[in-house]
N, C-alpha and C. Protein backbone atom coordinates (compact mmCIF):
# COMPACT_ATOMS: atom_id res chain seq x y z
N UNK A 1 19.75 18.56 11.71
CA UNK A 1 19.17 17.89 10.55
C UNK A 1 19.43 16.39 10.59
N UNK A 2 20.67 16.01 10.90
CA UNK A 2 21.01 14.59 10.93
C UNK A 2 20.21 13.85 11.99
N UNK A 3 20.05 14.48 13.16
CA UNK A 3 19.25 13.86 14.22
C UNK A 3 17.80 13.68 13.79
N UNK A 4 17.25 14.70 13.14
CA UNK A 4 15.88 14.62 12.64
C UNK A 4 15.73 13.50 11.62
N UNK A 5 16.68 13.41 10.70
CA UNK A 5 16.65 12.38 9.67
C UNK A 5 16.72 10.99 10.31
N UNK A 6 17.64 10.81 11.23
CA UNK A 6 17.76 9.51 11.91
C UNK A 6 16.49 9.16 12.66
N UNK A 7 15.88 10.15 13.29
CA UNK A 7 14.62 9.93 14.00
C UNK A 7 13.54 9.46 13.03
N UNK A 8 13.39 10.15 11.91
CA UNK A 8 12.38 9.77 10.91
C UNK A 8 12.65 8.37 10.38
N UNK A 9 13.91 8.10 10.09
CA UNK A 9 14.27 6.80 9.53
C UNK A 9 13.96 5.68 10.52
N UNK A 10 14.40 5.83 11.76
CA UNK A 10 14.18 4.79 12.76
C UNK A 10 12.70 4.58 13.06
N UNK A 11 11.98 5.66 13.13
CA UNK A 11 10.57 5.57 13.54
C UNK A 11 9.66 5.05 12.42
N UNK A 12 9.95 5.42 11.17
CA UNK A 12 9.00 5.14 10.09
C UNK A 12 9.53 4.27 8.96
N UNK A 13 10.76 3.84 9.04
CA UNK A 13 11.34 3.08 7.93
C UNK A 13 10.50 1.85 7.57
N UNK A 14 10.12 1.05 8.55
CA UNK A 14 9.34 -0.16 8.25
C UNK A 14 7.99 0.18 7.66
N UNK A 15 7.33 1.21 8.16
CA UNK A 15 6.03 1.60 7.62
C UNK A 15 6.15 2.06 6.16
N UNK A 16 7.16 2.86 5.88
CA UNK A 16 7.37 3.35 4.50
C UNK A 16 7.70 2.18 3.58
N UNK A 17 8.58 1.29 4.04
CA UNK A 17 8.93 0.12 3.23
C UNK A 17 7.68 -0.73 2.96
N UNK A 18 6.90 -1.02 4.00
CA UNK A 18 5.71 -1.85 3.81
C UNK A 18 4.72 -1.20 2.86
N UNK A 19 4.51 0.09 2.99
CA UNK A 19 3.62 0.80 2.07
C UNK A 19 4.09 0.64 0.63
N UNK A 20 5.37 0.87 0.41
CA UNK A 20 5.90 0.77 -0.95
C UNK A 20 5.86 -0.67 -1.45
N UNK A 21 6.11 -1.61 -0.56
CA UNK A 21 6.03 -3.01 -0.98
C UNK A 21 4.60 -3.36 -1.38
N UNK A 22 3.62 -2.92 -0.61
CA UNK A 22 2.22 -3.18 -0.96
C UNK A 22 1.89 -2.56 -2.32
N UNK A 23 2.53 -1.45 -2.64
CA UNK A 23 2.26 -0.79 -3.91
C UNK A 23 2.94 -1.52 -5.08
N UNK A 24 4.18 -1.96 -4.91
CA UNK A 24 4.93 -2.52 -6.05
C UNK A 24 5.11 -4.03 -6.01
N UNK A 25 4.91 -4.66 -4.85
CA UNK A 25 5.02 -6.13 -4.70
C UNK A 25 6.37 -6.68 -5.16
N UNK A 26 7.42 -5.92 -4.92
CA UNK A 26 8.75 -6.37 -5.28
C UNK A 26 9.71 -5.83 -4.22
N UNK A 27 10.37 -6.72 -3.52
CA UNK A 27 11.24 -6.30 -2.40
C UNK A 27 12.36 -5.39 -2.84
N UNK A 28 13.06 -5.77 -3.90
CA UNK A 28 14.19 -4.96 -4.36
C UNK A 28 13.72 -3.58 -4.80
N UNK A 29 12.63 -3.54 -5.54
CA UNK A 29 12.11 -2.26 -6.00
C UNK A 29 11.64 -1.42 -4.82
N UNK A 30 10.99 -2.04 -3.84
CA UNK A 30 10.54 -1.31 -2.66
C UNK A 30 11.73 -0.71 -1.91
N UNK A 31 12.81 -1.48 -1.79
CA UNK A 31 14.00 -0.96 -1.12
C UNK A 31 14.59 0.22 -1.88
N UNK A 32 14.62 0.12 -3.21
CA UNK A 32 15.11 1.23 -4.02
C UNK A 32 14.22 2.46 -3.84
N UNK A 33 12.92 2.24 -3.80
CA UNK A 33 12.00 3.36 -3.65
C UNK A 33 12.11 4.00 -2.27
N UNK A 34 12.36 3.18 -1.25
CA UNK A 34 12.56 3.74 0.09
C UNK A 34 13.77 4.68 0.07
N UNK A 35 14.83 4.26 -0.60
CA UNK A 35 16.00 5.12 -0.71
C UNK A 35 15.65 6.44 -1.39
N UNK A 36 14.85 6.36 -2.44
CA UNK A 36 14.41 7.57 -3.14
C UNK A 36 13.58 8.46 -2.21
N UNK A 37 12.74 7.86 -1.40
CA UNK A 37 11.94 8.64 -0.44
C UNK A 37 12.86 9.42 0.47
N UNK A 38 13.87 8.77 1.03
CA UNK A 38 14.75 9.45 1.97
C UNK A 38 15.67 10.46 1.30
N UNK A 39 15.98 10.26 0.04
CA UNK A 39 16.71 11.29 -0.71
C UNK A 39 15.84 12.53 -0.83
N UNK A 40 14.55 12.32 -1.15
CA UNK A 40 13.63 13.45 -1.26
C UNK A 40 13.40 14.11 0.10
N UNK A 41 13.39 13.31 1.15
CA UNK A 41 13.24 13.87 2.50
C UNK A 41 14.42 14.79 2.81
N UNK A 42 15.63 14.34 2.50
CA UNK A 42 16.81 15.18 2.74
C UNK A 42 16.74 16.49 1.97
N UNK A 43 16.28 16.41 0.72
CA UNK A 43 16.19 17.61 -0.12
C UNK A 43 15.09 18.57 0.34
N UNK A 44 14.00 18.01 0.88
CA UNK A 44 12.83 18.84 1.17
C UNK A 44 12.58 19.08 2.65
N UNK A 45 13.45 18.58 3.50
CA UNK A 45 13.19 18.67 4.94
C UNK A 45 13.01 20.12 5.41
N UNK A 46 13.75 21.05 4.83
CA UNK A 46 13.62 22.46 5.22
C UNK A 46 12.24 23.01 4.87
N UNK A 47 11.60 22.43 3.88
CA UNK A 47 10.28 22.90 3.43
C UNK A 47 9.14 22.34 4.27
N UNK A 48 9.42 21.34 5.11
CA UNK A 48 8.38 20.73 5.95
C UNK A 48 7.96 21.76 6.99
N UNK A 49 6.67 22.15 6.92
CA UNK A 49 6.14 23.21 7.78
C UNK A 49 5.46 22.68 9.03
N UNK A 50 5.25 21.38 9.09
CA UNK A 50 4.57 20.84 10.25
C UNK A 50 3.06 20.92 10.16
N UNK A 51 2.53 21.18 8.96
CA UNK A 51 1.07 21.24 8.77
C UNK A 51 0.42 19.88 8.96
N UNK A 52 1.21 18.84 8.79
CA UNK A 52 0.73 17.47 8.98
C UNK A 52 1.77 16.74 9.84
N UNK A 53 1.46 15.51 10.19
CA UNK A 53 2.43 14.74 10.97
C UNK A 53 3.59 14.32 10.07
N UNK A 54 4.70 13.97 10.70
CA UNK A 54 5.85 13.49 9.94
C UNK A 54 5.48 12.25 9.13
N UNK A 55 4.69 11.36 9.75
CA UNK A 55 4.29 10.12 9.09
C UNK A 55 3.46 10.42 7.84
N UNK A 56 2.53 11.34 7.96
CA UNK A 56 1.70 11.72 6.82
C UNK A 56 2.55 12.31 5.72
N UNK A 57 3.48 13.16 6.10
CA UNK A 57 4.39 13.78 5.13
C UNK A 57 5.22 12.72 4.41
N UNK A 58 5.76 11.75 5.18
CA UNK A 58 6.56 10.68 4.57
C UNK A 58 5.73 9.83 3.61
N UNK A 59 4.49 9.49 4.00
CA UNK A 59 3.65 8.69 3.12
C UNK A 59 3.28 9.45 1.85
N UNK A 60 3.11 10.75 1.96
CA UNK A 60 2.83 11.55 0.75
C UNK A 60 4.02 11.48 -0.20
N UNK A 61 5.21 11.59 0.35
CA UNK A 61 6.43 11.48 -0.48
C UNK A 61 6.52 10.08 -1.07
N UNK A 62 6.27 9.05 -0.24
CA UNK A 62 6.34 7.66 -0.71
C UNK A 62 5.33 7.41 -1.83
N UNK A 63 4.13 7.94 -1.67
CA UNK A 63 3.11 7.77 -2.71
C UNK A 63 3.59 8.39 -4.02
N UNK A 64 4.15 9.59 -3.95
CA UNK A 64 4.64 10.25 -5.16
C UNK A 64 5.79 9.48 -5.79
N UNK A 65 6.67 8.94 -4.97
CA UNK A 65 7.78 8.12 -5.48
C UNK A 65 7.23 6.88 -6.18
N UNK A 66 6.22 6.23 -5.59
CA UNK A 66 5.62 5.04 -6.20
C UNK A 66 4.97 5.40 -7.54
N UNK A 67 4.24 6.49 -7.58
CA UNK A 67 3.59 6.91 -8.83
C UNK A 67 4.64 7.21 -9.90
N UNK A 68 5.70 7.90 -9.51
CA UNK A 68 6.78 8.17 -10.47
C UNK A 68 7.38 6.87 -11.00
N UNK A 69 7.53 5.90 -10.12
CA UNK A 69 8.07 4.60 -10.53
C UNK A 69 7.12 3.90 -11.51
N UNK A 70 5.82 3.95 -11.23
CA UNK A 70 4.84 3.34 -12.12
C UNK A 70 4.90 3.95 -13.51
N UNK A 71 5.09 5.24 -13.54
CA UNK A 71 5.17 5.93 -14.84
C UNK A 71 6.39 5.49 -15.63
N UNK A 72 7.47 5.18 -14.92
CA UNK A 72 8.72 4.78 -15.58
C UNK A 72 8.68 3.34 -16.09
N UNK A 73 7.90 2.49 -15.40
CA UNK A 73 7.91 1.07 -15.71
C UNK A 73 6.58 0.65 -16.32
N UNK A 74 6.62 0.28 -17.55
CA UNK A 74 5.42 -0.24 -18.22
C UNK A 74 5.21 -1.69 -17.82
N UNK A 75 3.98 -2.13 -17.81
CA UNK A 75 3.67 -3.52 -17.53
C UNK A 75 3.80 -3.89 -16.06
N UNK A 76 3.78 -2.92 -15.17
CA UNK A 76 3.97 -3.20 -13.74
C UNK A 76 2.82 -3.97 -13.14
N UNK A 77 1.62 -3.77 -13.64
CA UNK A 77 0.47 -4.45 -13.03
C UNK A 77 0.60 -5.97 -13.10
N UNK A 78 1.01 -6.50 -14.23
CA UNK A 78 1.13 -7.94 -14.36
C UNK A 78 2.21 -8.50 -13.44
N UNK A 79 3.32 -7.78 -13.32
CA UNK A 79 4.38 -8.23 -12.41
C UNK A 79 3.88 -8.26 -10.97
N UNK A 80 3.04 -7.31 -10.60
CA UNK A 80 2.51 -7.26 -9.24
C UNK A 80 1.61 -8.46 -8.99
N UNK A 81 0.72 -8.76 -9.93
CA UNK A 81 -0.21 -9.87 -9.77
C UNK A 81 0.53 -11.19 -9.64
N UNK A 82 1.65 -11.31 -10.33
CA UNK A 82 2.39 -12.57 -10.35
C UNK A 82 3.19 -12.85 -9.08
N UNK A 83 3.33 -11.86 -8.21
CA UNK A 83 4.22 -12.03 -7.05
C UNK A 83 3.43 -12.03 -5.76
N UNK A 84 3.43 -13.17 -5.10
CA UNK A 84 2.72 -13.27 -3.83
C UNK A 84 3.54 -13.94 -2.75
N UNK A 85 4.84 -14.10 -2.93
CA UNK A 85 5.63 -14.78 -1.92
C UNK A 85 5.60 -14.03 -0.59
N UNK A 86 5.54 -12.72 -0.61
CA UNK A 86 5.49 -11.95 0.64
C UNK A 86 4.19 -12.24 1.39
N UNK A 87 3.09 -12.32 0.65
CA UNK A 87 1.81 -12.55 1.31
C UNK A 87 1.76 -13.93 1.95
N UNK A 88 2.39 -14.90 1.32
CA UNK A 88 2.42 -16.24 1.91
C UNK A 88 3.12 -16.21 3.26
N UNK A 89 4.20 -15.48 3.35
CA UNK A 89 4.92 -15.38 4.61
C UNK A 89 4.10 -14.63 5.65
N UNK A 90 3.38 -13.61 5.23
CA UNK A 90 2.64 -12.77 6.16
C UNK A 90 1.41 -13.44 6.74
N UNK A 91 0.82 -14.39 6.03
CA UNK A 91 -0.45 -14.94 6.50
C UNK A 91 -0.29 -16.24 7.29
N UNK A 92 0.93 -16.70 7.50
CA UNK A 92 1.13 -17.91 8.28
C UNK A 92 0.73 -17.64 9.72
N UNK A 93 -0.10 -18.48 10.25
CA UNK A 93 -0.56 -18.36 11.62
C UNK A 93 -0.54 -19.75 12.21
N UNK A 94 0.34 -19.97 13.16
CA UNK A 94 0.54 -21.31 13.70
C UNK A 94 -0.70 -21.85 14.40
N UNK A 95 -1.60 -20.97 14.83
CA UNK A 95 -2.79 -21.43 15.55
C UNK A 95 -3.87 -21.96 14.61
N UNK A 96 -3.74 -21.70 13.33
CA UNK A 96 -4.72 -22.18 12.37
C UNK A 96 -4.39 -23.61 11.95
N UNK A 97 -5.43 -24.36 11.63
CA UNK A 97 -5.21 -25.68 11.07
C UNK A 97 -4.68 -25.50 9.65
N UNK A 98 -4.06 -26.51 9.09
CA UNK A 98 -3.57 -26.38 7.71
C UNK A 98 -4.69 -26.03 6.72
N UNK A 99 -5.86 -26.62 6.93
CA UNK A 99 -6.98 -26.32 6.03
C UNK A 99 -7.41 -24.87 6.17
N UNK A 100 -7.52 -24.38 7.41
CA UNK A 100 -7.89 -22.99 7.63
C UNK A 100 -6.85 -22.05 7.04
N UNK A 101 -5.59 -22.41 7.22
CA UNK A 101 -4.51 -21.59 6.68
C UNK A 101 -4.57 -21.54 5.16
N UNK A 102 -4.86 -22.64 4.52
CA UNK A 102 -4.96 -22.67 3.05
C UNK A 102 -6.10 -21.78 2.57
N UNK A 103 -7.24 -21.85 3.23
CA UNK A 103 -8.37 -21.00 2.84
C UNK A 103 -8.03 -19.53 3.07
N UNK A 104 -7.38 -19.22 4.18
CA UNK A 104 -7.01 -17.84 4.51
C UNK A 104 -6.03 -17.31 3.47
N UNK A 105 -5.03 -18.13 3.11
CA UNK A 105 -4.03 -17.74 2.11
C UNK A 105 -4.70 -17.46 0.78
N UNK A 106 -5.59 -18.35 0.38
CA UNK A 106 -6.28 -18.19 -0.90
C UNK A 106 -7.14 -16.92 -0.90
N UNK A 107 -7.85 -16.68 0.19
CA UNK A 107 -8.67 -15.47 0.29
C UNK A 107 -7.82 -14.20 0.21
N UNK A 108 -6.68 -14.22 0.89
CA UNK A 108 -5.79 -13.06 0.88
C UNK A 108 -5.23 -12.83 -0.52
N UNK A 109 -4.79 -13.89 -1.17
CA UNK A 109 -4.28 -13.75 -2.53
C UNK A 109 -5.36 -13.23 -3.47
N UNK A 110 -6.56 -13.78 -3.35
CA UNK A 110 -7.66 -13.32 -4.20
C UNK A 110 -7.98 -11.85 -3.95
N UNK A 111 -7.95 -11.44 -2.69
CA UNK A 111 -8.23 -10.05 -2.38
C UNK A 111 -7.18 -9.14 -3.03
N UNK A 112 -5.91 -9.52 -2.97
CA UNK A 112 -4.88 -8.68 -3.57
C UNK A 112 -4.95 -8.71 -5.09
N UNK A 113 -5.34 -9.84 -5.67
CA UNK A 113 -5.54 -9.88 -7.13
C UNK A 113 -6.68 -8.93 -7.52
N UNK A 114 -7.72 -8.94 -6.75
CA UNK A 114 -8.86 -8.05 -7.03
C UNK A 114 -8.47 -6.60 -6.80
N UNK A 115 -7.67 -6.33 -5.80
CA UNK A 115 -7.23 -4.96 -5.53
C UNK A 115 -6.47 -4.39 -6.72
N UNK A 116 -5.74 -5.25 -7.42
CA UNK A 116 -5.00 -4.79 -8.60
C UNK A 116 -5.92 -4.32 -9.72
N UNK A 117 -7.17 -4.75 -9.70
CA UNK A 117 -8.12 -4.34 -10.72
C UNK A 117 -8.81 -3.02 -10.37
N UNK A 118 -8.58 -2.54 -9.16
CA UNK A 118 -9.14 -1.25 -8.73
C UNK A 118 -8.28 -0.12 -9.29
N UNK A 119 -8.80 1.09 -9.21
CA UNK A 119 -8.03 2.24 -9.67
C UNK A 119 -6.86 2.49 -8.72
N UNK A 120 -5.89 3.25 -9.18
CA UNK A 120 -4.74 3.57 -8.34
C UNK A 120 -5.19 4.31 -7.08
N UNK A 121 -6.15 5.22 -7.21
CA UNK A 121 -6.66 5.94 -6.04
C UNK A 121 -7.31 4.99 -5.05
N UNK A 122 -8.11 4.06 -5.54
CA UNK A 122 -8.76 3.10 -4.65
C UNK A 122 -7.72 2.23 -3.95
N UNK A 123 -6.73 1.79 -4.70
CA UNK A 123 -5.66 0.96 -4.15
C UNK A 123 -4.91 1.72 -3.05
N UNK A 124 -4.56 2.97 -3.31
CA UNK A 124 -3.86 3.79 -2.31
C UNK A 124 -4.68 3.92 -1.03
N UNK A 125 -5.96 4.19 -1.18
CA UNK A 125 -6.81 4.36 -0.01
C UNK A 125 -6.89 3.07 0.80
N UNK A 126 -7.09 1.95 0.14
CA UNK A 126 -7.19 0.67 0.85
C UNK A 126 -5.88 0.37 1.58
N UNK A 127 -4.76 0.56 0.91
CA UNK A 127 -3.47 0.28 1.53
C UNK A 127 -3.23 1.21 2.72
N UNK A 128 -3.47 2.50 2.54
CA UNK A 128 -3.24 3.44 3.63
C UNK A 128 -4.19 3.22 4.80
N UNK A 129 -5.45 2.98 4.52
CA UNK A 129 -6.46 2.85 5.58
C UNK A 129 -6.37 1.50 6.29
N UNK A 130 -6.24 0.41 5.54
CA UNK A 130 -6.38 -0.91 6.15
C UNK A 130 -5.05 -1.63 6.40
N UNK A 131 -4.05 -1.37 5.60
CA UNK A 131 -2.77 -2.03 5.81
C UNK A 131 -1.83 -1.15 6.64
N UNK A 132 -1.86 0.15 6.39
CA UNK A 132 -1.02 1.06 7.17
C UNK A 132 -1.78 1.66 8.36
N UNK A 133 -3.08 1.41 8.41
CA UNK A 133 -3.94 1.82 9.52
C UNK A 133 -3.92 3.31 9.79
N UNK A 134 -3.89 4.10 8.72
CA UNK A 134 -3.99 5.55 8.88
C UNK A 134 -5.46 5.93 9.06
N UNK A 135 -5.69 7.04 9.74
CA UNK A 135 -7.05 7.55 9.88
C UNK A 135 -7.49 8.17 8.56
N UNK A 136 -8.77 8.50 8.48
CA UNK A 136 -9.27 9.16 7.27
C UNK A 136 -8.57 10.50 7.09
N UNK A 137 -8.39 11.24 8.17
CA UNK A 137 -7.71 12.54 8.10
C UNK A 137 -6.27 12.38 7.63
N UNK A 138 -5.54 11.41 8.20
CA UNK A 138 -4.15 11.18 7.78
C UNK A 138 -4.08 10.75 6.32
N UNK A 139 -5.01 9.90 5.91
CA UNK A 139 -5.04 9.45 4.51
C UNK A 139 -5.31 10.64 3.59
N UNK A 140 -6.22 11.50 3.99
CA UNK A 140 -6.52 12.69 3.19
C UNK A 140 -5.29 13.58 3.04
N UNK A 141 -4.54 13.72 4.11
CA UNK A 141 -3.33 14.55 4.04
C UNK A 141 -2.27 13.92 3.15
N UNK A 142 -2.11 12.60 3.25
CA UNK A 142 -1.13 11.91 2.40
C UNK A 142 -1.48 12.10 0.93
N UNK A 143 -2.75 11.96 0.61
CA UNK A 143 -3.18 12.02 -0.79
C UNK A 143 -3.45 13.44 -1.27
N UNK A 144 -3.49 14.39 -0.35
CA UNK A 144 -3.78 15.77 -0.72
C UNK A 144 -5.25 15.96 -1.09
N UNK A 145 -6.12 15.20 -0.44
CA UNK A 145 -7.56 15.23 -0.72
C UNK A 145 -8.31 15.77 0.49
N UNK A 146 -9.60 15.98 0.28
CA UNK A 146 -10.50 16.27 1.38
C UNK A 146 -10.93 14.93 1.99
N UNK A 147 -11.33 14.97 3.26
CA UNK A 147 -11.75 13.74 3.93
C UNK A 147 -12.93 13.10 3.21
N UNK A 148 -13.82 13.90 2.67
CA UNK A 148 -14.99 13.35 1.98
C UNK A 148 -14.58 12.53 0.76
N UNK A 149 -13.53 12.95 0.07
CA UNK A 149 -13.07 12.19 -1.09
C UNK A 149 -12.47 10.85 -0.65
N UNK A 150 -11.75 10.85 0.47
CA UNK A 150 -11.20 9.60 1.00
C UNK A 150 -12.33 8.65 1.33
N UNK A 151 -13.36 9.15 2.01
CA UNK A 151 -14.50 8.32 2.40
C UNK A 151 -15.21 7.76 1.18
N UNK A 152 -15.43 8.60 0.19
CA UNK A 152 -16.10 8.16 -1.04
C UNK A 152 -15.27 7.13 -1.78
N UNK A 153 -13.98 7.39 -1.92
CA UNK A 153 -13.09 6.46 -2.61
C UNK A 153 -12.99 5.15 -1.86
N UNK A 154 -12.92 5.22 -0.53
CA UNK A 154 -12.88 4.01 0.29
C UNK A 154 -14.16 3.20 0.10
N UNK A 155 -15.29 3.86 0.13
CA UNK A 155 -16.57 3.17 -0.05
C UNK A 155 -16.62 2.48 -1.42
N UNK A 156 -16.23 3.20 -2.45
CA UNK A 156 -16.25 2.63 -3.81
C UNK A 156 -15.25 1.49 -3.94
N UNK A 157 -14.09 1.63 -3.31
CA UNK A 157 -13.07 0.58 -3.39
C UNK A 157 -13.56 -0.70 -2.71
N UNK A 158 -14.17 -0.55 -1.56
CA UNK A 158 -14.69 -1.73 -0.85
C UNK A 158 -15.80 -2.39 -1.66
N UNK A 159 -16.67 -1.57 -2.21
CA UNK A 159 -17.75 -2.10 -3.04
C UNK A 159 -17.18 -2.82 -4.27
N UNK A 160 -16.17 -2.22 -4.90
CA UNK A 160 -15.52 -2.81 -6.07
C UNK A 160 -14.84 -4.12 -5.69
N UNK A 161 -14.09 -4.12 -4.59
CA UNK A 161 -13.41 -5.33 -4.14
C UNK A 161 -14.41 -6.45 -3.86
N UNK A 162 -15.49 -6.12 -3.19
CA UNK A 162 -16.50 -7.12 -2.87
C UNK A 162 -17.07 -7.73 -4.15
N UNK A 163 -17.41 -6.88 -5.12
CA UNK A 163 -17.96 -7.38 -6.38
C UNK A 163 -16.94 -8.24 -7.14
N UNK A 164 -15.70 -7.79 -7.18
CA UNK A 164 -14.66 -8.55 -7.88
C UNK A 164 -14.41 -9.90 -7.21
N UNK A 165 -14.41 -9.90 -5.88
CA UNK A 165 -14.18 -11.17 -5.16
C UNK A 165 -15.36 -12.13 -5.33
N UNK A 166 -16.57 -11.59 -5.33
CA UNK A 166 -17.74 -12.45 -5.57
C UNK A 166 -17.69 -13.02 -6.98
N UNK A 167 -17.31 -12.19 -7.94
CA UNK A 167 -17.19 -12.65 -9.33
C UNK A 167 -16.12 -13.74 -9.45
N UNK A 168 -14.99 -13.53 -8.78
CA UNK A 168 -13.91 -14.53 -8.81
C UNK A 168 -14.38 -15.83 -8.17
N UNK A 169 -15.09 -15.73 -7.07
CA UNK A 169 -15.60 -16.90 -6.36
C UNK A 169 -16.59 -17.66 -7.24
N UNK A 170 -17.47 -16.94 -7.91
CA UNK A 170 -18.44 -17.57 -8.81
C UNK A 170 -17.75 -18.28 -9.97
N UNK A 171 -16.72 -17.67 -10.52
CA UNK A 171 -15.98 -18.28 -11.62
C UNK A 171 -15.26 -19.55 -11.18
N UNK A 172 -14.75 -19.55 -9.94
CA UNK A 172 -14.07 -20.74 -9.42
C UNK A 172 -15.05 -21.89 -9.22
N UNK A 173 -16.27 -21.56 -8.78
CA UNK A 173 -17.27 -22.61 -8.56
C UNK A 173 -17.71 -23.22 -9.88
N UNK A 174 -17.84 -22.38 -10.92
CA UNK A 174 -18.29 -22.86 -12.23
C UNK A 174 -17.16 -23.60 -12.93
N UNK A 175 -15.94 -23.05 -12.83
CA UNK A 175 -14.80 -23.61 -13.56
C UNK A 175 -14.25 -24.75 -12.84
């Protein structure tokens, strides 16, 4: 059991942390939630049947931990929108000119602000598919959905994000 746990931790710790950080946008909270994920892994490891990959199983647990956290904390959406220091660090690219970097940073921030206006399901799908790079099948297993629901939710989320970003862009031009 200890060897299995260490294997899971070493192999997927960064992915689980990043997923939770994308969900809560708070480093300390993400670290706390990662600990909760691994506590649940220890408690439920005997129940893991191997019907899905270890990574899919871990992300399903992480998603449930994040949802439980959201339920406990009121007003989380505003705190998420207000915190973008992680994104600033992630989008630095030395090969870009300062002007290109500024536009890229602004676009990334706007996209994440718009993502916060999407439903929780849409947000989960976008994060799992595009930030964690899971396949549609893996995403379906994490969420406990059929692949068709993942595809539909992904399509609607992208459409929603595009509309929200266009609306934000139009407001910036007018204002």
